Structures are given as C-alpha cells and as structure tokens.
N, C-alpha and C. Protein backbone atom coordinates (compact mmCIF):
# COMPACT_ATOMS: atom_id res chain seq x y z
N GLY A 1 -1.22 -5.15 4.35
CA GLY A 1 -0.98 -5.71 3.03
C GLY A 1 -0.67 -4.61 2.03
N LEU A 2 -0.41 -5.04 0.78
CA LEU A 2 -0.02 -4.13 -0.28
C LEU A 2 -0.69 -4.55 -1.59
N MET A 3 -1.27 -3.58 -2.29
CA MET A 3 -1.72 -3.76 -3.67
C MET A 3 -0.98 -2.72 -4.50
N TRP A 4 -0.94 -2.90 -5.83
CA TRP A 4 -0.34 -1.87 -6.67
C TRP A 4 -1.04 -1.84 -8.01
N LEU A 5 -0.90 -0.68 -8.66
CA LEU A 5 -1.54 -0.46 -9.95
C LEU A 5 -0.62 0.41 -10.80
N GLN A 6 -0.13 -0.18 -11.90
CA GLN A 6 0.53 0.64 -12.92
C GLN A 6 -0.59 1.20 -13.79
N HIS A 7 -0.73 2.52 -13.82
CA HIS A 7 -1.89 3.10 -14.50
C HIS A 7 -1.83 2.77 -15.98
N GLY A 8 -2.93 2.17 -16.45
CA GLY A 8 -2.94 1.56 -17.77
C GLY A 8 -2.91 0.05 -17.68
N GLY A 9 -2.71 -0.49 -16.47
CA GLY A 9 -2.65 -1.94 -16.26
C GLY A 9 -3.73 -2.40 -15.30
N ASN A 10 -3.46 -3.53 -14.64
CA ASN A 10 -4.44 -4.13 -13.73
C ASN A 10 -4.05 -3.90 -12.28
N LEU A 11 -5.06 -3.89 -11.41
CA LEU A 11 -4.82 -3.82 -9.97
C LEU A 11 -4.26 -5.16 -9.52
N ARG A 12 -3.10 -5.14 -8.85
CA ARG A 12 -2.46 -6.37 -8.36
C ARG A 12 -2.62 -6.46 -6.85
N HIS A 13 -2.90 -7.68 -6.39
CA HIS A 13 -2.99 -7.91 -4.94
C HIS A 13 -2.43 -9.29 -4.65
N THR A 14 -3.26 -10.31 -4.82
CA THR A 14 -2.75 -11.68 -4.72
C THR A 14 -2.28 -12.11 -6.10
N THR A 15 -1.28 -12.94 -6.16
CA THR A 15 -0.74 -13.37 -7.45
C THR A 15 -1.39 -14.68 -7.85
N GLU A 16 -2.03 -14.65 -9.01
CA GLU A 16 -2.71 -15.84 -9.52
C GLU A 16 -1.93 -16.38 -10.72
N GLN A 17 -2.12 -17.66 -11.02
CA GLN A 17 -1.51 -18.24 -12.21
C GLN A 17 -2.00 -17.49 -13.45
N ASN A 18 -1.09 -17.28 -14.41
CA ASN A 18 -1.44 -16.70 -15.72
C ASN A 18 -1.94 -15.27 -15.65
N ASP A 19 -1.60 -14.51 -14.58
CA ASP A 19 -2.07 -13.12 -14.55
C ASP A 19 -1.01 -12.15 -15.06
N GLY A 20 0.12 -12.66 -15.58
CA GLY A 20 1.09 -11.80 -16.23
C GLY A 20 2.24 -11.34 -15.35
N VAL A 21 2.20 -11.63 -14.04
CA VAL A 21 3.35 -11.29 -13.20
C VAL A 21 4.45 -12.29 -13.54
N SER A 22 5.59 -11.77 -13.99
CA SER A 22 6.59 -12.68 -14.56
C SER A 22 7.38 -13.43 -13.50
N ARG A 23 7.64 -12.79 -12.35
CA ARG A 23 8.43 -13.50 -11.34
C ARG A 23 8.19 -12.89 -9.96
N TYR A 24 8.15 -13.74 -8.95
CA TYR A 24 8.02 -13.24 -7.59
C TYR A 24 8.56 -14.30 -6.65
N GLY A 25 9.03 -13.88 -5.49
CA GLY A 25 9.51 -14.84 -4.51
C GLY A 25 10.45 -14.19 -3.51
N TRP A 26 10.72 -14.92 -2.44
CA TRP A 26 11.63 -14.44 -1.41
C TRP A 26 13.07 -14.67 -1.85
N LEU A 27 13.89 -13.62 -1.72
CA LEU A 27 15.33 -13.75 -1.97
C LEU A 27 16.05 -14.19 -0.71
N MET A 28 15.58 -13.68 0.43
CA MET A 28 16.12 -14.05 1.75
C MET A 28 14.97 -14.02 2.75
N HIS A 29 15.01 -14.92 3.73
CA HIS A 29 13.95 -14.94 4.75
C HIS A 29 14.40 -15.90 5.84
N ASP A 30 14.39 -15.46 7.09
CA ASP A 30 14.76 -16.40 8.16
C ASP A 30 13.53 -16.94 8.88
N GLY A 31 12.33 -16.65 8.32
CA GLY A 31 11.11 -17.18 8.90
C GLY A 31 10.58 -16.42 10.09
N GLU A 32 11.34 -15.44 10.58
CA GLU A 32 10.90 -14.78 11.80
C GLU A 32 11.27 -13.30 11.87
N ASN A 33 12.56 -12.98 11.65
CA ASN A 33 13.04 -11.63 11.96
C ASN A 33 13.28 -10.72 10.76
N PHE A 34 13.46 -11.27 9.58
CA PHE A 34 13.68 -10.41 8.41
C PHE A 34 13.34 -11.18 7.14
N GLY A 35 13.11 -10.43 6.06
CA GLY A 35 12.87 -11.05 4.77
C GLY A 35 13.02 -10.03 3.66
N VAL A 36 13.43 -10.50 2.49
CA VAL A 36 13.55 -9.67 1.29
C VAL A 36 12.84 -10.40 0.16
N GLN A 37 11.91 -9.70 -0.50
CA GLN A 37 11.10 -10.30 -1.56
C GLN A 37 11.21 -9.42 -2.81
N GLU A 38 11.19 -10.05 -3.98
CA GLU A 38 11.21 -9.27 -5.22
C GLU A 38 10.10 -9.74 -6.14
N ILE A 39 9.39 -8.75 -6.71
CA ILE A 39 8.30 -9.02 -7.64
C ILE A 39 8.60 -8.26 -8.92
N ARG A 40 8.49 -8.95 -10.06
CA ARG A 40 8.66 -8.29 -11.37
C ARG A 40 7.34 -8.37 -12.11
N ASP A 41 6.86 -7.21 -12.56
CA ASP A 41 5.54 -7.13 -13.17
C ASP A 41 5.57 -6.14 -14.32
N GLU A 42 5.71 -6.65 -15.56
CA GLU A 42 5.63 -5.83 -16.77
C GLU A 42 6.53 -4.59 -16.69
N GLY A 43 7.81 -4.80 -16.45
CA GLY A 43 8.76 -3.70 -16.41
C GLY A 43 8.91 -3.05 -15.05
N LEU A 44 8.03 -3.37 -14.10
CA LEU A 44 8.13 -2.84 -12.74
C LEU A 44 8.89 -3.84 -11.87
N VAL A 45 9.85 -3.34 -11.10
CA VAL A 45 10.54 -4.17 -10.11
C VAL A 45 10.16 -3.64 -8.73
N LEU A 46 9.55 -4.49 -7.94
CA LEU A 46 9.03 -4.12 -6.63
C LEU A 46 9.74 -4.98 -5.59
N ARG A 47 10.48 -4.35 -4.70
CA ARG A 47 11.25 -5.07 -3.69
C ARG A 47 10.70 -4.71 -2.31
N THR A 48 10.37 -5.73 -1.53
CA THR A 48 9.89 -5.46 -0.16
C THR A 48 10.88 -6.08 0.82
N GLU A 49 11.18 -5.34 1.88
CA GLU A 49 12.09 -5.82 2.92
C GLU A 49 11.45 -5.53 4.28
N PHE A 50 11.50 -6.51 5.19
CA PHE A 50 11.03 -6.22 6.54
C PHE A 50 12.08 -6.69 7.55
N VAL A 51 12.09 -6.00 8.67
CA VAL A 51 12.94 -6.41 9.79
C VAL A 51 12.14 -6.22 11.08
N LYS A 52 12.28 -7.19 11.97
CA LYS A 52 11.49 -7.20 13.19
C LYS A 52 12.41 -7.05 14.39
N GLN A 53 11.94 -6.31 15.37
CA GLN A 53 12.71 -6.11 16.59
C GLN A 53 11.90 -6.65 17.76
N PRO A 54 12.35 -7.77 18.37
CA PRO A 54 11.56 -8.38 19.45
C PRO A 54 11.43 -7.44 20.65
N GLY A 55 10.36 -7.65 21.42
CA GLY A 55 10.16 -6.86 22.63
C GLY A 55 8.71 -6.81 23.01
N GLY A 56 8.44 -6.38 24.25
CA GLY A 56 7.06 -6.23 24.71
C GLY A 56 6.35 -7.57 24.84
N ASP A 57 5.03 -7.50 24.93
CA ASP A 57 4.20 -8.69 25.16
C ASP A 57 3.55 -9.22 23.88
N HIS A 58 3.75 -8.53 22.75
CA HIS A 58 2.99 -8.88 21.56
C HIS A 58 3.87 -9.04 20.33
N GLY A 59 5.09 -9.54 20.49
CA GLY A 59 5.91 -9.87 19.33
C GLY A 59 6.87 -8.80 18.87
N GLY A 60 6.80 -7.59 19.44
CA GLY A 60 7.79 -6.57 19.09
C GLY A 60 7.34 -5.63 17.99
N ASP A 61 8.29 -4.79 17.56
CA ASP A 61 8.04 -3.80 16.52
C ASP A 61 8.63 -4.30 15.21
N TRP A 62 8.14 -3.74 14.08
CA TRP A 62 8.78 -4.06 12.81
C TRP A 62 8.72 -2.88 11.86
N SER A 63 9.62 -2.89 10.89
CA SER A 63 9.58 -1.88 9.84
C SER A 63 9.66 -2.57 8.50
N TRP A 64 9.11 -1.90 7.49
CA TRP A 64 8.90 -2.49 6.18
C TRP A 64 9.30 -1.44 5.15
N ARG A 65 10.17 -1.80 4.22
CA ARG A 65 10.60 -0.88 3.17
C ARG A 65 10.21 -1.45 1.82
N VAL A 66 9.60 -0.60 0.99
CA VAL A 66 9.21 -1.00 -0.36
C VAL A 66 9.96 -0.10 -1.34
N THR A 67 10.74 -0.72 -2.24
CA THR A 67 11.48 0.01 -3.26
C THR A 67 10.88 -0.31 -4.61
N VAL A 68 10.57 0.72 -5.39
CA VAL A 68 9.99 0.51 -6.72
C VAL A 68 10.87 1.18 -7.77
N LYS A 69 11.09 0.46 -8.87
CA LYS A 69 11.80 1.04 -10.01
C LYS A 69 11.31 0.34 -11.26
N THR A 70 11.65 0.91 -12.42
CA THR A 70 11.23 0.31 -13.68
C THR A 70 12.44 -0.06 -14.51
N GLU A 71 12.25 -1.07 -15.35
CA GLU A 71 13.29 -1.50 -16.29
C GLU A 71 12.88 -1.07 -17.69
N GLY A 72 13.87 -0.88 -18.55
CA GLY A 72 13.57 -0.52 -19.93
C GLY A 72 13.62 0.97 -20.14
N LYS A 73 13.45 1.37 -21.39
CA LYS A 73 13.56 2.77 -21.77
C LYS A 73 12.18 3.42 -21.80
N GLY A 74 12.21 4.74 -21.90
CA GLY A 74 10.96 5.49 -21.97
C GLY A 74 10.48 5.90 -20.60
N PRO A 75 9.52 6.82 -20.55
CA PRO A 75 9.02 7.31 -19.26
C PRO A 75 8.28 6.21 -18.50
N ALA A 76 8.46 6.19 -17.19
CA ALA A 76 7.77 5.20 -16.37
C ALA A 76 6.30 5.57 -16.24
N PRO A 77 5.39 4.59 -16.32
CA PRO A 77 3.97 4.91 -16.08
C PRO A 77 3.77 5.30 -14.62
N LEU A 78 2.74 6.07 -14.38
CA LEU A 78 2.39 6.39 -12.99
C LEU A 78 2.10 5.09 -12.25
N LEU A 79 2.53 5.04 -11.00
CA LEU A 79 2.33 3.86 -10.17
C LEU A 79 1.61 4.25 -8.89
N SER A 80 0.60 3.48 -8.53
CA SER A 80 -0.05 3.65 -7.23
C SER A 80 0.25 2.43 -6.37
N LEU A 81 0.68 2.70 -5.15
CA LEU A 81 0.85 1.66 -4.13
C LEU A 81 -0.26 1.85 -3.10
N PHE A 82 -0.94 0.76 -2.75
CA PHE A 82 -2.05 0.80 -1.80
C PHE A 82 -1.63 0.01 -0.56
N PHE A 83 -1.25 0.71 0.49
CA PHE A 83 -0.93 0.06 1.76
C PHE A 83 -2.22 0.02 2.58
N TYR A 84 -2.54 -1.16 3.12
CA TYR A 84 -3.82 -1.22 3.83
C TYR A 84 -3.69 -2.01 5.13
N VAL A 85 -4.63 -1.72 6.03
CA VAL A 85 -4.81 -2.47 7.28
C VAL A 85 -6.28 -2.85 7.33
N ALA A 86 -6.55 -4.10 7.67
CA ALA A 86 -7.95 -4.54 7.73
C ALA A 86 -8.16 -5.41 8.96
N THR A 87 -9.34 -5.31 9.54
CA THR A 87 -9.73 -6.20 10.63
C THR A 87 -10.77 -7.18 10.09
N ASP A 88 -10.89 -8.31 10.76
CA ASP A 88 -11.84 -9.32 10.33
C ASP A 88 -12.59 -9.84 11.55
N GLY A 89 -13.64 -9.13 11.92
CA GLY A 89 -14.47 -9.60 13.02
C GLY A 89 -14.10 -9.07 14.39
N GLN A 90 -12.85 -8.66 14.59
CA GLN A 90 -12.47 -8.09 15.89
C GLN A 90 -11.38 -7.04 15.69
N GLY A 91 -11.23 -6.17 16.70
CA GLY A 91 -10.25 -5.11 16.59
C GLY A 91 -10.86 -3.81 16.09
N THR A 92 -10.19 -2.70 16.39
CA THR A 92 -10.66 -1.39 15.93
C THR A 92 -9.49 -0.63 15.31
N LEU A 93 -9.80 0.20 14.31
CA LEU A 93 -8.79 0.99 13.62
C LEU A 93 -9.25 2.45 13.59
N ARG A 94 -8.30 3.37 13.79
CA ARG A 94 -8.63 4.80 13.74
C ARG A 94 -7.64 5.50 12.83
N PRO A 95 -8.11 6.23 11.80
CA PRO A 95 -7.19 6.92 10.90
C PRO A 95 -6.58 8.16 11.54
N VAL A 96 -5.31 8.41 11.25
CA VAL A 96 -4.63 9.65 11.64
C VAL A 96 -4.28 10.37 10.34
N LEU A 97 -5.04 11.43 10.03
CA LEU A 97 -4.91 12.09 8.73
C LEU A 97 -4.02 13.33 8.83
N GLU A 98 -3.31 13.58 7.72
CA GLU A 98 -2.46 14.77 7.59
C GLU A 98 -3.03 15.57 6.42
N ASN A 99 -3.34 16.82 6.63
CA ASN A 99 -3.93 17.70 5.60
C ASN A 99 -5.24 17.15 5.04
N GLY A 100 -5.89 16.28 5.78
CA GLY A 100 -7.19 15.78 5.36
C GLY A 100 -7.17 14.76 4.25
N THR A 101 -5.99 14.51 3.63
CA THR A 101 -5.95 13.60 2.48
C THR A 101 -4.93 12.49 2.64
N ARG A 102 -3.86 12.72 3.39
CA ARG A 102 -2.82 11.70 3.51
C ARG A 102 -3.01 10.92 4.80
N LEU A 103 -3.15 9.59 4.67
CA LEU A 103 -3.25 8.75 5.86
C LEU A 103 -1.84 8.59 6.43
N ALA A 104 -1.52 9.38 7.45
CA ALA A 104 -0.17 9.37 8.01
C ALA A 104 0.06 8.16 8.90
N ALA A 105 -1.01 7.68 9.56
CA ALA A 105 -0.86 6.56 10.48
C ALA A 105 -2.23 5.93 10.75
N VAL A 106 -2.19 4.72 11.28
CA VAL A 106 -3.38 4.03 11.77
C VAL A 106 -3.13 3.67 13.22
N ALA A 107 -4.00 4.12 14.09
CA ALA A 107 -3.95 3.72 15.50
C ALA A 107 -4.96 2.61 15.68
N GLY A 108 -4.54 1.50 16.27
CA GLY A 108 -5.44 0.36 16.35
C GLY A 108 -5.31 -0.41 17.65
N THR A 109 -6.30 -1.27 17.86
CA THR A 109 -6.29 -2.21 18.98
C THR A 109 -6.78 -3.55 18.45
N ALA A 110 -6.05 -4.61 18.79
CA ALA A 110 -6.46 -5.95 18.40
C ALA A 110 -6.16 -6.90 19.55
N GLU A 111 -6.92 -8.00 19.61
CA GLU A 111 -6.74 -8.94 20.72
C GLU A 111 -5.32 -9.49 20.74
N GLU A 112 -4.76 -9.82 19.57
CA GLU A 112 -3.43 -10.42 19.55
C GLU A 112 -2.31 -9.41 19.72
N LEU A 113 -2.54 -8.15 19.31
CA LEU A 113 -1.48 -7.14 19.32
C LEU A 113 -1.59 -6.12 20.44
N GLY A 114 -2.73 -6.04 21.11
CA GLY A 114 -2.93 -4.94 22.04
C GLY A 114 -3.06 -3.64 21.25
N ASP A 115 -2.55 -2.54 21.83
CA ASP A 115 -2.58 -1.25 21.13
C ASP A 115 -1.38 -1.16 20.20
N PHE A 116 -1.58 -0.60 19.00
CA PHE A 116 -0.47 -0.47 18.06
C PHE A 116 -0.66 0.79 17.22
N THR A 117 0.44 1.27 16.64
CA THR A 117 0.41 2.37 15.69
C THR A 117 1.19 1.96 14.45
N LEU A 118 0.55 2.09 13.29
CA LEU A 118 1.20 1.82 12.02
C LEU A 118 1.39 3.16 11.32
N THR A 119 2.64 3.50 11.01
CA THR A 119 2.96 4.82 10.46
C THR A 119 3.46 4.69 9.02
N PHE A 120 2.92 5.51 8.13
CA PHE A 120 3.32 5.54 6.72
C PHE A 120 4.21 6.76 6.48
N LEU A 121 5.49 6.54 6.23
CA LEU A 121 6.40 7.67 6.03
C LEU A 121 6.29 8.16 4.58
N PRO A 122 6.50 9.46 4.34
CA PRO A 122 6.44 9.97 2.96
C PRO A 122 7.54 9.34 2.10
N PRO A 123 7.30 9.17 0.80
CA PRO A 123 8.29 8.53 -0.07
C PRO A 123 9.53 9.38 -0.27
N THR A 124 10.65 8.70 -0.52
CA THR A 124 11.91 9.39 -0.83
C THR A 124 12.43 8.85 -2.16
N GLY A 125 13.50 9.47 -2.67
CA GLY A 125 14.15 8.97 -3.87
C GLY A 125 14.86 7.66 -3.58
N GLU A 126 15.27 6.97 -4.63
CA GLU A 126 15.82 5.62 -4.46
C GLU A 126 17.11 5.61 -3.66
N GLY A 127 17.95 6.62 -3.82
CA GLY A 127 19.22 6.65 -3.09
C GLY A 127 19.11 7.27 -1.71
N GLY A 128 17.88 7.42 -1.21
CA GLY A 128 17.68 8.03 0.10
C GLY A 128 17.61 9.54 0.04
N GLU A 129 17.74 10.12 -1.18
CA GLU A 129 17.66 11.58 -1.27
C GLU A 129 16.24 12.04 -1.05
N GLY A 130 16.12 13.22 -0.50
CA GLY A 130 14.95 13.97 -0.13
C GLY A 130 13.57 13.44 -0.47
N PRO A 131 12.55 14.17 -0.08
CA PRO A 131 11.17 13.75 -0.33
C PRO A 131 10.89 13.64 -1.82
N LYS A 132 9.99 12.75 -2.16
CA LYS A 132 9.61 12.51 -3.56
C LYS A 132 8.17 13.00 -3.74
N TYR A 133 7.92 13.70 -4.84
CA TYR A 133 6.57 14.20 -5.07
C TYR A 133 5.59 13.03 -5.24
N ALA A 134 4.45 13.12 -4.58
CA ALA A 134 3.43 12.07 -4.66
C ALA A 134 2.06 12.67 -4.46
N SER A 135 1.04 11.98 -4.98
CA SER A 135 -0.35 12.32 -4.69
C SER A 135 -0.90 11.26 -3.72
N TYR A 136 -1.82 11.68 -2.87
CA TYR A 136 -2.34 10.77 -1.84
C TYR A 136 -3.85 10.66 -1.90
N ASN A 137 -4.34 9.45 -1.74
CA ASN A 137 -5.77 9.18 -1.59
C ASN A 137 -5.95 8.26 -0.39
N PHE A 138 -7.16 8.28 0.15
CA PHE A 138 -7.41 7.58 1.41
C PHE A 138 -8.79 6.93 1.34
N LEU A 139 -8.88 5.71 1.84
CA LEU A 139 -10.16 4.99 1.85
C LEU A 139 -10.41 4.39 3.23
N ALA A 140 -11.60 4.62 3.76
CA ALA A 140 -12.07 3.94 4.98
C ALA A 140 -13.39 3.27 4.62
N ALA A 141 -13.49 1.97 4.86
CA ALA A 141 -14.70 1.25 4.46
C ALA A 141 -14.91 0.04 5.35
N GLY A 142 -16.17 -0.40 5.42
CA GLY A 142 -16.47 -1.68 6.05
C GLY A 142 -16.25 -2.79 5.04
N VAL A 143 -15.75 -3.94 5.50
CA VAL A 143 -15.50 -5.06 4.59
C VAL A 143 -16.25 -6.31 5.05
N PRO A 144 -16.90 -7.02 4.11
CA PRO A 144 -17.62 -8.24 4.48
C PRO A 144 -16.69 -9.41 4.79
N GLY A 145 -15.41 -9.31 4.42
CA GLY A 145 -14.43 -10.36 4.70
C GLY A 145 -13.15 -10.05 3.96
N LEU A 146 -12.04 -10.59 4.44
CA LEU A 146 -10.74 -10.28 3.83
C LEU A 146 -10.67 -10.75 2.38
N HIS A 147 -11.42 -11.80 2.04
CA HIS A 147 -11.40 -12.31 0.66
C HIS A 147 -12.03 -11.32 -0.32
N ARG A 148 -12.68 -10.26 0.18
CA ARG A 148 -13.35 -9.29 -0.70
C ARG A 148 -12.56 -7.98 -0.82
N LEU A 149 -11.36 -7.92 -0.27
CA LEU A 149 -10.60 -6.66 -0.27
C LEU A 149 -10.30 -6.17 -1.69
N THR A 150 -9.84 -7.06 -2.57
CA THR A 150 -9.51 -6.64 -3.94
C THR A 150 -10.74 -6.06 -4.62
N ASP A 151 -11.87 -6.74 -4.50
CA ASP A 151 -13.10 -6.27 -5.14
C ASP A 151 -13.52 -4.92 -4.58
N LEU A 152 -13.39 -4.75 -3.27
CA LEU A 152 -13.78 -3.49 -2.63
C LEU A 152 -12.94 -2.33 -3.16
N VAL A 153 -11.63 -2.53 -3.25
CA VAL A 153 -10.75 -1.46 -3.73
C VAL A 153 -11.03 -1.17 -5.20
N ARG A 154 -11.20 -2.23 -5.99
CA ARG A 154 -11.48 -2.03 -7.43
C ARG A 154 -12.77 -1.22 -7.61
N GLN A 155 -13.80 -1.52 -6.81
CA GLN A 155 -15.07 -0.79 -6.90
C GLN A 155 -14.92 0.67 -6.48
N SER A 156 -13.91 0.96 -5.67
CA SER A 156 -13.74 2.31 -5.11
C SER A 156 -12.94 3.23 -6.02
N LEU A 157 -12.31 2.68 -7.07
CA LEU A 157 -11.43 3.49 -7.91
C LEU A 157 -12.24 4.39 -8.85
N ARG A 158 -11.84 5.67 -8.93
CA ARG A 158 -12.46 6.65 -9.81
C ARG A 158 -11.37 7.41 -10.55
N GLU A 159 -11.55 7.62 -11.87
CA GLU A 159 -10.53 8.34 -12.63
C GLU A 159 -10.76 9.85 -12.51
N SER A 160 -10.69 10.33 -11.27
CA SER A 160 -10.96 11.75 -11.04
C SER A 160 -9.82 12.44 -10.32
N SER A 161 -8.76 11.69 -9.97
CA SER A 161 -7.64 12.29 -9.27
C SER A 161 -6.62 12.84 -10.28
N VAL A 162 -5.87 13.85 -9.85
CA VAL A 162 -4.91 14.50 -10.74
C VAL A 162 -3.53 14.50 -10.10
N PHE A 163 -2.55 14.02 -10.85
CA PHE A 163 -1.15 14.03 -10.44
C PHE A 163 -0.53 15.27 -11.08
N SER A 164 -0.10 16.23 -10.27
CA SER A 164 0.37 17.51 -10.83
C SER A 164 1.71 17.92 -10.22
N PRO A 165 2.81 17.26 -10.63
CA PRO A 165 4.13 17.63 -10.10
C PRO A 165 4.51 19.03 -10.56
N PRO A 166 5.25 19.78 -9.73
CA PRO A 166 5.60 21.16 -10.08
C PRO A 166 6.34 21.25 -11.41
N GLY A 167 5.86 22.13 -12.27
CA GLY A 167 6.54 22.40 -13.53
C GLY A 167 6.42 21.31 -14.57
N ARG A 168 5.51 20.35 -14.36
CA ARG A 168 5.37 19.24 -15.32
C ARG A 168 3.90 19.05 -15.65
N PRO A 169 3.62 18.34 -16.74
CA PRO A 169 2.21 18.17 -17.14
C PRO A 169 1.39 17.45 -16.06
N ARG A 170 0.13 17.83 -15.99
CA ARG A 170 -0.82 17.16 -15.08
C ARG A 170 -1.32 15.89 -15.74
N ARG A 171 -1.54 14.84 -14.92
CA ARG A 171 -2.06 13.58 -15.45
C ARG A 171 -3.17 13.07 -14.54
N ARG A 172 -4.22 12.55 -15.16
CA ARG A 172 -5.31 11.96 -14.38
C ARG A 172 -4.95 10.51 -14.02
N PHE A 173 -5.46 10.06 -12.89
CA PHE A 173 -5.23 8.67 -12.50
C PHE A 173 -6.40 8.16 -11.68
N PHE A 174 -6.44 6.85 -11.50
CA PHE A 174 -7.50 6.21 -10.71
C PHE A 174 -7.15 6.29 -9.22
N GLY A 175 -7.98 6.98 -8.46
CA GLY A 175 -7.79 7.09 -7.02
C GLY A 175 -8.97 6.50 -6.28
N VAL A 176 -8.72 5.98 -5.08
CA VAL A 176 -9.82 5.43 -4.29
C VAL A 176 -10.73 6.55 -3.82
N SER A 177 -12.01 6.22 -3.74
CA SER A 177 -13.01 7.18 -3.31
C SER A 177 -13.97 6.47 -2.37
N SER A 178 -14.33 7.14 -1.29
CA SER A 178 -15.22 6.50 -0.32
C SER A 178 -16.63 6.33 -0.87
N ALA A 179 -16.87 6.88 -2.08
CA ALA A 179 -18.18 6.67 -2.70
C ALA A 179 -18.33 5.24 -3.21
N GLY A 180 -17.22 4.49 -3.24
CA GLY A 180 -17.29 3.10 -3.69
C GLY A 180 -17.84 2.19 -2.60
N GLY A 181 -17.51 0.92 -2.66
CA GLY A 181 -17.98 -0.01 -1.64
C GLY A 181 -18.70 -1.18 -2.28
N LEU A 182 -19.13 -2.08 -1.43
CA LEU A 182 -19.83 -3.28 -1.89
C LEU A 182 -21.25 -3.26 -1.32
N PRO A 183 -22.20 -2.71 -2.07
CA PRO A 183 -23.57 -2.61 -1.54
C PRO A 183 -24.19 -3.98 -1.30
N GLY A 184 -25.01 -4.04 -0.26
CA GLY A 184 -25.76 -5.26 0.00
C GLY A 184 -25.01 -6.31 0.79
N GLU A 185 -23.74 -6.04 1.15
CA GLU A 185 -22.97 -7.01 1.95
C GLU A 185 -22.67 -6.38 3.31
N SER A 186 -23.08 -7.06 4.38
CA SER A 186 -22.88 -6.47 5.70
C SER A 186 -21.42 -6.61 6.12
N PRO A 187 -20.84 -5.54 6.68
CA PRO A 187 -19.42 -5.57 7.03
C PRO A 187 -19.13 -6.42 8.26
N ARG A 188 -18.02 -7.15 8.18
CA ARG A 188 -17.50 -7.90 9.33
C ARG A 188 -16.35 -7.15 10.00
N GLY A 189 -15.67 -6.30 9.22
CA GLY A 189 -14.50 -5.61 9.74
C GLY A 189 -14.30 -4.28 9.06
N GLN A 190 -13.14 -3.67 9.34
CA GLN A 190 -12.80 -2.34 8.83
C GLN A 190 -11.62 -2.43 7.87
N LEU A 191 -11.59 -1.51 6.92
CA LEU A 191 -10.43 -1.34 6.04
C LEU A 191 -10.01 0.12 6.07
N LEU A 192 -8.72 0.36 6.30
CA LEU A 192 -8.12 1.69 6.12
C LEU A 192 -7.02 1.53 5.09
N LEU A 193 -7.05 2.37 4.06
CA LEU A 193 -6.12 2.20 2.94
C LEU A 193 -5.46 3.53 2.58
N HIS A 194 -4.16 3.48 2.38
CA HIS A 194 -3.31 4.64 2.07
C HIS A 194 -2.78 4.46 0.65
N GLN A 195 -3.27 5.28 -0.29
CA GLN A 195 -2.82 5.19 -1.69
C GLN A 195 -1.78 6.27 -1.95
N VAL A 196 -0.62 5.84 -2.44
CA VAL A 196 0.46 6.76 -2.80
C VAL A 196 0.69 6.62 -4.31
N THR A 197 0.57 7.72 -5.04
CA THR A 197 0.76 7.69 -6.50
C THR A 197 1.98 8.52 -6.84
N LEU A 198 2.92 7.92 -7.61
CA LEU A 198 4.18 8.60 -7.90
C LEU A 198 4.79 8.04 -9.17
N GLU A 199 5.91 8.64 -9.57
CA GLU A 199 6.70 8.14 -10.69
C GLU A 199 7.91 7.40 -10.12
N PRO A 200 8.09 6.12 -10.43
CA PRO A 200 9.29 5.41 -9.96
C PRO A 200 10.53 6.08 -10.56
N PRO A 201 11.71 5.91 -9.89
CA PRO A 201 11.95 5.09 -8.71
C PRO A 201 11.61 5.83 -7.41
N ALA A 202 11.35 5.04 -6.36
CA ALA A 202 11.05 5.62 -5.06
C ALA A 202 11.19 4.55 -3.98
N VAL A 203 11.31 5.04 -2.74
CA VAL A 203 11.39 4.15 -1.58
C VAL A 203 10.33 4.61 -0.57
N LEU A 204 9.58 3.66 -0.03
CA LEU A 204 8.55 3.97 0.97
C LEU A 204 8.76 3.07 2.17
N GLU A 205 8.55 3.64 3.36
CA GLU A 205 8.74 2.86 4.58
C GLU A 205 7.48 2.93 5.45
N VAL A 206 7.24 1.82 6.14
CA VAL A 206 6.11 1.67 7.04
C VAL A 206 6.65 1.10 8.34
N THR A 207 6.22 1.64 9.48
CA THR A 207 6.67 1.09 10.77
C THR A 207 5.46 0.70 11.61
N LEU A 208 5.61 -0.39 12.35
CA LEU A 208 4.58 -0.80 13.30
C LEU A 208 5.20 -0.82 14.70
N GLU A 209 4.57 -0.07 15.60
CA GLU A 209 5.03 -0.03 16.99
C GLU A 209 3.93 -0.56 17.88
C-alpha cells in the first residue's frame, strides 16, 4: 500500500468523505493486467500505474510506478511517500536494508504468493532523468490488524529527521521512528515501511517478483 504526507498537512492513506482530497479515481483499468489512477490533493497530483506480467504458480510479477508533481506557483512543500507491506495473521517479511537506512527490498513468504521479493527503486526525475535527491526512513513494527496501520504510522512519526540536499537549506520533517507503536495491543502481523522524502516532481518504481 501507499500513504503520503505533504509536510504541513495531514497523513493520507484511505480516502474518507470530507477529508479535503479534491479528486481521485481510475483513469484506465482492465480489472486484471494494468491500471492508471490519479489523485489530486491540495495542489499535489499523484499518479499511480501498475502493469502485471502473468507467469509462475502465483499470479505472476508486477511493477508499479508512482509519479508526483505539484500544481500552482511557489516552492513545492516537502513530500513523504510511505510504501508499505503488511501481513495479517500469516506470512513472514524480512527487510533488505541499504546503508542501514534505506529499505531497498522486502523478502517475504505468504501462503497465497509463495516466496516473493518486493524491490523499491531509488526515485528519478519526472522525465526519467537521473537519480533524485531523497531522504529515507524505515519502520518495522508489529501490527494488531490492517485497520490500525494509519494509526501505527501516525504514532511513529517524529519531527527529528533532516532533509539536506547539496548546496540548499536544510529542512526538518516528520520521519517514522521505531520508537513509536501501539502499546497494549498484541500484534497479529508485521509491517515494513519505506519512507521516501523529496521535493516533487519525481517518479518512483516498485517491482514484485
């Protein structure tokens, strides 16, 4: 799944009535092999595209591209995208970390999928040009149920992370911290979350094999 946070705004996950998201919906979708979705949220345009390649015994591989840009004038606020994988009662997840801070991949096993690897590629510019500067945070936590994911992530946010692009001013932002969590609730499953903080526009890709 995906959550996002425009710093200075609210954490978005599921879309509720009257929460200020102005428009969202599928632009194209064949119900099985591909889909394109667009979400507009207070000047942010978030486009998600997926394509699936059949094969194997468990439904095949897929890739997912998320494009973010802003409308209007003035500097874009910092944006955090939270890509996550969660289990609910069965399955195991193992983080694959790069430099101790970036969740590069999740290796997992589930009854329906067998063994799988979910890989988070580094962000690029909107036109496909080179790597884009980003800050990374990572969260691993037990979850009492999928309905509590938003609350768990919100509890884990701390305004102690610093976005420091080369040659530009440093800015503080809310990053996930494993010091958070939901005390007093016994976990049913696991959550692994990859937070990418950057200045739009940018393109991010995720692959599942």
